[in-house]
Amino acid sequence: MLKHIPCESDLKSVIPETWANAVMYCQGGAPHNCGADGLCEHGGTCFEIKELTLEQALLEIEHLKKELDVTRVRNKQIEVGHLNLIARLEHTKELALKDGKSERVFMIRQCLTIIRGSVDE
């Protein structure tokens, strides 16, 4: 039994079972082409589902919940890592200011500006 309904993006999966399920879902004449290219050669029509059964819908909801949880954890890790990097750069900048290393201070300020600017985008 599938853990979720295969979709076109599964053709790019590094998980062998997920990739194989997506390739097996192909309704065209040459599923190996779609699997090798990582996208449906029929414009995604192989993965279109007009109507889900209740069981399929529940499976897909469960899969999406798990995917959302994993994404939230990864996002939090990135956010914490980002804030940690800023704090370390601020500390290093203060040390460089105390030591009178103006070139290093300039470089760190530039890095902080770029990092903070990327967060606002």
C-alpha atoms as a PDB file:
ATOM      1  CA  MET A   1       0.000   0.000   0.000  1.00  0.00           C
ATOM      2  CA  LEU A   2       1.330   3.425  -0.964  1.00  0.00           C
ATOM      3  CA  LYS A   3       2.066   5.894   1.800  1.00  0.00           C
ATOM      4  CA  HIS A   4       0.978   8.748  -0.443  1.00  0.00           C
ATOM      5  CA  ILE A   5      -0.247   9.316  -3.947  1.00  0.00           C
ATOM      6  CA  PRO A   6       2.700   9.644  -6.344  1.00  0.00           C
ATOM      7  CA  CYS A   7       3.169  13.064  -7.913  1.00  0.00           C
ATOM      8  CA  GLU A   8       5.429  14.375 -10.642  1.00  0.00           C
ATOM      9  CA  SER A   9       7.997  15.769  -8.185  1.00  0.00           C
ATOM     10  CA  ASP A  10       8.537  12.198  -6.901  1.00  0.00           C
ATOM     11  CA  LEU A  11      10.347  11.516 -10.182  1.00  0.00           C
ATOM     12  CA  LYS A  12      13.195  13.632  -8.748  1.00  0.00           C
ATOM     13  CA  SER A  13      13.234  11.824  -5.400  1.00  0.00           C
ATOM     14  CA  VAL A  14      16.468  10.360  -4.095  1.00  0.00           C
ATOM     15  CA  ILE A  15      14.455   7.771  -2.153  1.00  0.00           C
ATOM     16  CA  PRO A  16      14.367   4.680  -4.392  1.00  0.00           C
ATOM     17  CA  GLU A  17      10.885   3.527  -3.322  1.00  0.00           C
ATOM     18  CA  THR A  18       9.339   6.961  -3.893  1.00  0.00           C
ATOM     19  CA  TRP A  19      11.002   7.266  -7.301  1.00  0.00           C
ATOM     20  CA  ALA A  20       9.965   3.741  -8.333  1.00  0.00           C
ATOM     21  CA  ASN A  21       6.339   4.340  -7.301  1.00  0.00           C
ATOM     22  CA  ALA A  22       6.267   7.510  -9.403  1.00  0.00           C
ATOM     23  CA  VAL A  23       7.766   5.717 -12.421  1.00  0.00           C
ATOM     24  CA  MET A  24       5.208   2.909 -12.045  1.00  0.00           C
ATOM     25  CA  TYR A  25       2.444   5.519 -12.038  1.00  0.00           C
ATOM     26  CA  CYS A  26       3.370   6.519 -15.594  1.00  0.00           C
ATOM     27  CA  GLN A  27       0.550   5.938 -18.047  1.00  0.00           C
ATOM     28  CA  GLY A  28       2.639   6.630 -21.137  1.00  0.00           C
ATOM     29  CA  GLY A  29       4.481   4.095 -23.235  1.00  0.00           C
ATOM     30  CA  ALA A  30       7.972   4.767 -21.884  1.00  0.00           C
ATOM     31  CA  PRO A  31       8.102   5.291 -18.110  1.00  0.00           C
ATOM     32  CA  HIS A  32      11.896   4.940 -18.124  1.00  0.00           C
ATOM     33  CA  ASN A  33      12.127   8.257 -20.009  1.00  0.00           C
ATOM     34  CA  CYS A  34      10.131  10.095 -17.349  1.00  0.00           C
ATOM     35  CA  GLY A  35      12.167   8.463 -14.565  1.00  0.00           C
ATOM     36  CA  ALA A  36      15.462   9.367 -16.212  1.00  0.00           C
ATOM     37  CA  ASP A  37      14.436  12.965 -16.930  1.00  0.00           C
ATOM     38  CA  GLY A  38      12.837  13.560 -13.531  1.00  0.00           C
ATOM     39  CA  LEU A  39       9.633  14.929 -15.032  1.00  0.00           C
ATOM     40  CA  CYS A  40       6.582  13.610 -16.825  1.00  0.00           C
ATOM     41  CA  GLU A  41       7.020  13.685 -20.591  1.00  0.00           C
ATOM     42  CA  HIS A  42       3.251  14.019 -20.976  1.00  0.00           C
ATOM     43  CA  GLY A  43       3.040  17.322 -19.117  1.00  0.00           C
ATOM     44  CA  GLY A  44       2.065  15.761 -15.810  1.00  0.00           C
ATOM     45  CA  THR A  45      -1.100  14.130 -17.141  1.00  0.00           C
ATOM     46  CA  CYS A  46      -0.002  10.768 -15.755  1.00  0.00           C
ATOM     47  CA  PHE A  47      -0.302  12.207 -12.261  1.00  0.00           C
ATOM     48  CA  GLU A  48      -3.618  14.000 -12.634  1.00  0.00           C
ATOM     49  CA  ILE A  49      -6.293  12.550 -10.398  1.00  0.00           C
ATOM     50  CA  LYS A  50      -9.754  13.822 -11.089  1.00  0.00           C
ATOM     51  CA  GLU A  51     -11.302  12.539  -7.882  1.00  0.00           C
ATOM     52  CA  LEU A  52      -9.803  10.905  -4.810  1.00  0.00           C
ATOM     53  CA  THR A  53     -11.363   8.108  -2.869  1.00  0.00           C
ATOM     54  CA  LEU A  54     -11.769   8.703   0.844  1.00  0.00           C
ATOM     55  CA  GLU A  55      -8.838   6.379   1.570  1.00  0.00           C
ATOM     56  CA  GLN A  56      -6.611   8.169  -0.945  1.00  0.00           C
ATOM     57  CA  ALA A  57      -7.568  11.568   0.459  1.00  0.00           C
ATOM     58  CA  LEU A  58      -6.807  10.471   4.022  1.00  0.00           C
ATOM     59  CA  LEU A  59      -3.447   9.041   2.937  1.00  0.00           C
ATOM     60  CA  GLU A  60      -2.585  12.247   1.129  1.00  0.00           C
ATOM     61  CA  ILE A  61      -3.603  14.379   4.127  1.00  0.00           C
ATOM     62  CA  GLU A  62      -1.431  12.248   6.419  1.00  0.00           C
ATOM     63  CA  HIS A  63       1.502  12.525   4.002  1.00  0.00           C
ATOM     64  CA  LEU A  64       1.092  16.297   3.761  1.00  0.00           C
ATOM     65  CA  LYS A  65       0.936  16.631   7.558  1.00  0.00           C
ATOM     66  CA  LYS A  66       4.210  14.735   7.907  1.00  0.00           C
ATOM     67  CA  GLU A  67       5.799  16.773   5.130  1.00  0.00           C
ATOM     68  CA  LEU A  68       4.669  20.002   6.820  1.00  0.00           C
ATOM     69  CA  ASP A  69       6.113  18.872  10.163  1.00  0.00           C
ATOM     70  CA  VAL A  70       9.470  18.061   8.562  1.00  0.00           C
ATOM     71  CA  THR A  71       9.471  21.395   6.741  1.00  0.00           C
ATOM     72  CA  ARG A  72       8.708  23.297   9.955  1.00  0.00           C
ATOM     73  CA  VAL A  73      11.587  21.571  11.756  1.00  0.00           C
ATOM     74  CA  ARG A  74      13.999  22.324   8.911  1.00  0.00           C
ATOM     75  CA  ASN A  75      12.814  25.926   8.777  1.00  0.00           C
ATOM     76  CA  LYS A  76      13.356  26.325  12.520  1.00  0.00           C
ATOM     77  CA  GLN A  77      16.858  24.833  12.217  1.00  0.00           C
ATOM     78  CA  ILE A  78      17.717  27.261   9.426  1.00  0.00           C
ATOM     79  CA  GLU A  79      16.317  30.186  11.405  1.00  0.00           C
ATOM     80  CA  VAL A  80      18.286  29.252  14.526  1.00  0.00           C
ATOM     81  CA  GLY A  81      21.444  28.728  12.483  1.00  0.00           C
ATOM     82  CA  HIS A  82      20.940  32.099  10.820  1.00  0.00           C
ATOM     83  CA  LEU A  83      20.495  33.902  14.150  1.00  0.00           C
ATOM     84  CA  ASN A  84      23.520  32.066  15.556  1.00  0.00           C
ATOM     85  CA  LEU A  85      25.632  33.200  12.606  1.00  0.00           C
ATOM     86  CA  ILE A  86      24.547  36.819  13.084  1.00  0.00           C
ATOM     87  CA  ALA A  87      25.368  36.674  16.801  1.00  0.00           C
ATOM     88  CA  ARG A  88      28.816  35.222  16.098  1.00  0.00           C
ATOM     89  CA  LEU A  89      29.515  37.879  13.463  1.00  0.00           C
ATOM     90  CA  GLU A  90      28.402  40.644  15.846  1.00  0.00           C
ATOM     91  CA  HIS A  91      30.731  39.273  18.531  1.00  0.00           C
ATOM     92  CA  THR A  92      33.604  39.019  16.060  1.00  0.00           C
ATOM     93  CA  LYS A  93      32.921  42.585  14.907  1.00  0.00           C
ATOM     94  CA  GLU A  94      33.135  43.830  18.513  1.00  0.00           C
ATOM     95  CA  LEU A  95      36.453  42.028  18.992  1.00  0.00           C
ATOM     96  CA  ALA A  96      37.786  43.512  15.763  1.00  0.00           C
ATOM     97  CA  LEU A  97      36.669  46.998  16.870  1.00  0.00           C
ATOM     98  CA  LYS A  98      38.546  46.583  20.157  1.00  0.00           C
ATOM     99  CA  ASP A  99      41.657  45.395  18.333  1.00  0.00           C
ATOM    100  CA  GLY A 100      41.470  48.282  15.844  1.00  0.00           C
ATOM    101  CA  LYS A 101      41.196  46.024  12.804  1.00  0.00           C
ATOM    102  CA  SER A 102      39.203  48.348  10.554  1.00  0.00           C
ATOM    103  CA  GLU A 103      39.405  46.165   7.436  1.00  0.00           C
ATOM    104  CA  ARG A 104      37.952  43.220   9.322  1.00  0.00           C
ATOM    105  CA  VAL A 105      35.215  45.430  10.819  1.00  0.00           C
ATOM    106  CA  PHE A 106      34.326  46.688   7.332  1.00  0.00           C
ATOM    107  CA  MET A 107      34.160  43.133   5.963  1.00  0.00           C
ATOM    108  CA  ILE A 108      31.997  41.893   8.839  1.00  0.00           C
ATOM    109  CA  ARG A 109      29.636  44.873   8.485  1.00  0.00           C
ATOM    110  CA  GLN A 110      29.268  44.093   4.794  1.00  0.00           C
ATOM    111  CA  CYS A 111      28.521  40.431   5.578  1.00  0.00           C
ATOM    112  CA  LEU A 112      25.928  41.413   8.180  1.00  0.00           C
ATOM    113  CA  THR A 113      24.265  43.817   5.735  1.00  0.00           C
ATOM    114  CA  ILE A 114      24.027  41.110   3.078  1.00  0.00           C
ATOM    115  CA  ILE A 115      22.734  38.492   5.522  1.00  0.00           C
ATOM    116  CA  ARG A 116      20.155  40.810   7.039  1.00  0.00           C
ATOM    117  CA  GLY A 117      19.112  42.001   3.583  1.00  0.00           C
ATOM    118  CA  SER A 118      18.491  38.443   2.422  1.00  0.00           C
ATOM    119  CA  VAL A 119      16.159  37.865   5.377  1.00  0.00           C
ATOM    120  CA  ASP A 120      13.999  40.853   4.437  1.00  0.00           C
ATOM    121  CA  GLU A 121      13.466  39.587   0.880  1.00  0.00           C
END
